[in-house]
N, C-alpha and C. Protein backbone atom coordinates (compact mmCIF):
# COMPACT_ATOMS: atom_id res chain seq x y z
N MET A 1 -14.29 -24.50 -23.95
CA MET A 1 -13.02 -24.23 -23.29
C MET A 1 -13.08 -22.83 -22.65
N PRO A 2 -12.67 -22.71 -21.37
CA PRO A 2 -12.71 -21.41 -20.70
C PRO A 2 -11.66 -20.46 -21.29
N PRO A 3 -11.90 -19.15 -21.19
CA PRO A 3 -10.93 -18.20 -21.73
C PRO A 3 -9.59 -18.29 -20.98
N VAL A 4 -8.54 -18.02 -21.70
CA VAL A 4 -7.20 -18.05 -21.12
C VAL A 4 -7.02 -16.84 -20.20
N ALA A 5 -6.45 -17.07 -19.02
CA ALA A 5 -6.23 -16.01 -18.03
C ALA A 5 -4.94 -15.27 -18.38
N THR A 6 -5.05 -14.28 -19.23
CA THR A 6 -3.89 -13.47 -19.60
C THR A 6 -3.82 -12.25 -18.69
N PRO A 7 -2.65 -11.62 -18.57
CA PRO A 7 -2.55 -10.43 -17.73
C PRO A 7 -3.56 -9.34 -18.11
N SER A 8 -3.78 -9.14 -19.40
CA SER A 8 -4.72 -8.09 -19.81
C SER A 8 -6.15 -8.41 -19.38
N ARG A 9 -6.51 -9.68 -19.32
CA ARG A 9 -7.86 -10.06 -18.88
C ARG A 9 -7.99 -10.03 -17.36
N LEU A 10 -6.91 -10.26 -16.66
CA LEU A 10 -6.94 -10.28 -15.20
C LEU A 10 -6.82 -8.89 -14.57
N ARG A 11 -6.22 -7.96 -15.28
CA ARG A 11 -5.89 -6.66 -14.72
C ARG A 11 -7.10 -5.94 -14.12
N LYS A 12 -8.14 -5.75 -14.90
CA LYS A 12 -9.29 -4.97 -14.43
C LYS A 12 -9.99 -5.62 -13.24
N PRO A 13 -10.34 -6.92 -13.28
CA PRO A 13 -10.98 -7.51 -12.11
C PRO A 13 -10.08 -7.57 -10.88
N LEU A 14 -8.79 -7.76 -11.09
CA LEU A 14 -7.86 -7.81 -9.96
C LEU A 14 -7.76 -6.43 -9.29
N LEU A 15 -7.65 -5.38 -10.08
CA LEU A 15 -7.58 -4.03 -9.51
C LEU A 15 -8.90 -3.64 -8.84
N ALA A 16 -10.01 -4.07 -9.40
CA ALA A 16 -11.32 -3.80 -8.77
C ALA A 16 -11.41 -4.52 -7.43
N TRP A 17 -10.93 -5.76 -7.37
CA TRP A 17 -10.93 -6.51 -6.11
C TRP A 17 -10.06 -5.78 -5.08
N TYR A 18 -8.88 -5.35 -5.51
CA TYR A 18 -7.97 -4.64 -4.60
C TYR A 18 -8.62 -3.37 -4.07
N ASP A 19 -9.25 -2.60 -4.93
CA ASP A 19 -9.92 -1.36 -4.50
C ASP A 19 -11.00 -1.65 -3.46
N ALA A 20 -11.67 -2.76 -3.58
CA ALA A 20 -12.76 -3.11 -2.65
C ALA A 20 -12.25 -3.73 -1.36
N HIS A 21 -11.10 -4.40 -1.39
CA HIS A 21 -10.67 -5.20 -0.24
C HIS A 21 -9.31 -4.86 0.35
N ALA A 22 -8.63 -3.87 -0.18
CA ALA A 22 -7.28 -3.54 0.31
C ALA A 22 -7.32 -3.11 1.77
N ARG A 23 -6.35 -3.55 2.52
CA ARG A 23 -6.25 -3.12 3.92
C ARG A 23 -5.91 -1.64 3.98
N ASP A 24 -6.44 -0.97 4.98
CA ASP A 24 -6.14 0.43 5.21
C ASP A 24 -4.86 0.50 6.03
N LEU A 25 -3.77 0.90 5.39
CA LEU A 25 -2.46 0.96 6.05
C LEU A 25 -1.92 2.38 5.97
N PRO A 26 -1.22 2.84 7.00
CA PRO A 26 -0.80 4.24 7.04
C PRO A 26 0.16 4.65 5.93
N TRP A 27 0.85 3.74 5.32
CA TRP A 27 1.79 4.07 4.25
C TRP A 27 1.18 3.89 2.87
N ARG A 28 -0.05 3.45 2.81
CA ARG A 28 -0.70 3.16 1.54
C ARG A 28 -1.71 4.26 1.21
N VAL A 29 -1.77 4.64 -0.07
CA VAL A 29 -2.77 5.60 -0.54
C VAL A 29 -4.05 4.82 -0.84
N ARG A 30 -5.15 5.27 -0.24
CA ARG A 30 -6.43 4.59 -0.45
C ARG A 30 -6.88 4.75 -1.90
N PRO A 31 -7.66 3.78 -2.41
CA PRO A 31 -8.13 3.87 -3.80
C PRO A 31 -8.87 5.17 -4.10
N VAL A 32 -9.67 5.66 -3.16
CA VAL A 32 -10.40 6.91 -3.38
C VAL A 32 -9.43 8.08 -3.54
N GLU A 33 -8.38 8.10 -2.73
CA GLU A 33 -7.36 9.15 -2.83
C GLU A 33 -6.57 9.02 -4.13
N ARG A 34 -6.27 7.79 -4.50
CA ARG A 34 -5.53 7.54 -5.73
C ARG A 34 -6.32 8.04 -6.95
N ALA A 35 -7.64 7.89 -6.88
CA ALA A 35 -8.50 8.34 -7.98
C ALA A 35 -8.46 9.85 -8.15
N THR A 36 -8.13 10.58 -7.07
CA THR A 36 -8.03 12.04 -7.15
C THR A 36 -6.64 12.50 -7.56
N GLY A 37 -5.73 11.56 -7.79
CA GLY A 37 -4.39 11.90 -8.24
C GLY A 37 -3.33 11.83 -7.16
N ARG A 38 -3.70 11.52 -5.93
CA ARG A 38 -2.71 11.43 -4.86
C ARG A 38 -1.81 10.21 -5.09
N ARG A 39 -0.54 10.39 -4.87
CA ARG A 39 0.44 9.32 -5.05
C ARG A 39 1.06 8.97 -3.71
N ALA A 40 1.55 7.75 -3.62
CA ALA A 40 2.21 7.29 -2.40
C ALA A 40 3.50 8.06 -2.19
N ASP A 41 3.83 8.31 -0.93
CA ASP A 41 5.07 8.98 -0.55
C ASP A 41 6.18 7.93 -0.54
N PRO A 42 7.16 8.05 -1.43
CA PRO A 42 8.22 7.04 -1.50
C PRO A 42 8.94 6.81 -0.17
N TYR A 43 9.13 7.86 0.62
CA TYR A 43 9.78 7.72 1.93
C TYR A 43 8.96 6.80 2.83
N ARG A 44 7.66 7.01 2.91
CA ARG A 44 6.80 6.20 3.78
C ARG A 44 6.74 4.75 3.29
N VAL A 45 6.69 4.57 1.98
CA VAL A 45 6.66 3.21 1.42
C VAL A 45 7.98 2.50 1.73
N TRP A 46 9.09 3.19 1.50
CA TRP A 46 10.41 2.59 1.78
C TRP A 46 10.54 2.23 3.25
N LEU A 47 10.14 3.16 4.12
CA LEU A 47 10.22 2.92 5.55
C LEU A 47 9.38 1.70 5.95
N SER A 48 8.19 1.59 5.41
CA SER A 48 7.35 0.43 5.73
C SER A 48 8.00 -0.86 5.24
N GLU A 49 8.61 -0.82 4.07
CA GLU A 49 9.28 -2.02 3.54
C GLU A 49 10.41 -2.47 4.47
N ILE A 50 11.18 -1.52 4.96
CA ILE A 50 12.27 -1.85 5.88
C ILE A 50 11.71 -2.48 7.15
N MET A 51 10.69 -1.86 7.72
CA MET A 51 10.10 -2.38 8.96
C MET A 51 9.47 -3.75 8.75
N LEU A 52 8.84 -3.94 7.61
CA LEU A 52 8.14 -5.21 7.37
C LEU A 52 9.09 -6.35 7.03
N GLN A 53 10.36 -6.05 6.79
CA GLN A 53 11.33 -7.13 6.63
C GLN A 53 11.61 -7.81 7.96
N GLN A 54 11.36 -7.09 9.05
CA GLN A 54 11.70 -7.59 10.37
C GLN A 54 10.51 -8.14 11.16
N THR A 55 9.28 -7.75 10.79
CA THR A 55 8.12 -8.15 11.57
C THR A 55 6.86 -8.09 10.71
N THR A 56 5.72 -8.25 11.34
CA THR A 56 4.44 -8.28 10.63
C THR A 56 3.77 -6.91 10.67
N VAL A 57 2.75 -6.74 9.83
CA VAL A 57 2.02 -5.47 9.75
C VAL A 57 1.47 -5.05 11.12
N PRO A 58 0.78 -5.93 11.87
CA PRO A 58 0.24 -5.48 13.16
C PRO A 58 1.32 -5.00 14.14
N HIS A 59 2.50 -5.58 14.06
CA HIS A 59 3.58 -5.16 14.96
C HIS A 59 4.33 -3.93 14.44
N ALA A 60 4.47 -3.81 13.13
CA ALA A 60 5.22 -2.69 12.56
C ALA A 60 4.43 -1.39 12.57
N THR A 61 3.12 -1.45 12.47
CA THR A 61 2.30 -0.24 12.32
C THR A 61 2.50 0.77 13.45
N PRO A 62 2.43 0.38 14.72
CA PRO A 62 2.65 1.39 15.77
C PRO A 62 4.05 2.02 15.70
N TYR A 63 5.05 1.24 15.38
CA TYR A 63 6.40 1.77 15.24
C TYR A 63 6.48 2.73 14.06
N PHE A 64 5.83 2.36 12.97
CA PHE A 64 5.79 3.22 11.79
C PHE A 64 5.16 4.57 12.13
N LEU A 65 4.02 4.55 12.80
CA LEU A 65 3.32 5.79 13.17
C LEU A 65 4.16 6.64 14.10
N SER A 66 4.79 6.02 15.07
CA SER A 66 5.65 6.75 16.00
C SER A 66 6.86 7.35 15.28
N PHE A 67 7.49 6.57 14.43
CA PHE A 67 8.66 7.01 13.69
C PHE A 67 8.33 8.17 12.77
N THR A 68 7.22 8.07 12.05
CA THR A 68 6.86 9.14 11.10
C THR A 68 6.35 10.40 11.79
N ARG A 69 5.86 10.27 13.01
CA ARG A 69 5.53 11.48 13.78
C ARG A 69 6.83 12.23 14.14
N ARG A 70 7.83 11.48 14.52
CA ARG A 70 9.10 12.09 14.91
C ARG A 70 9.91 12.57 13.71
N TRP A 71 9.94 11.77 12.65
CA TRP A 71 10.68 12.10 11.42
C TRP A 71 9.73 11.97 10.22
N PRO A 72 8.92 12.99 9.95
CA PRO A 72 7.88 12.89 8.91
C PRO A 72 8.41 12.86 7.47
N THR A 73 9.64 13.32 7.27
CA THR A 73 10.22 13.28 5.93
C THR A 73 11.64 12.74 6.00
N VAL A 74 12.19 12.43 4.87
CA VAL A 74 13.55 11.91 4.83
C VAL A 74 14.56 13.01 5.22
N ARG A 75 14.20 14.24 5.05
CA ARG A 75 15.10 15.35 5.41
C ARG A 75 15.17 15.48 6.91
């Protein structure tokens, strides 16, 4: 009988797969950066979530980049 796929057994291989295959997106912290302690900017993540409710990643990305150049922080 194969081993049961529990969250604790899936966690490590799933995170390793993500580190190897995650898309490079402007609002996402890369695995290499995350390993050095860098954390995602909540403003950029929130902004991307709002934009992605209305369209797809390829369409939202240029708008995201333009918007964050003009308004880089929530302040």
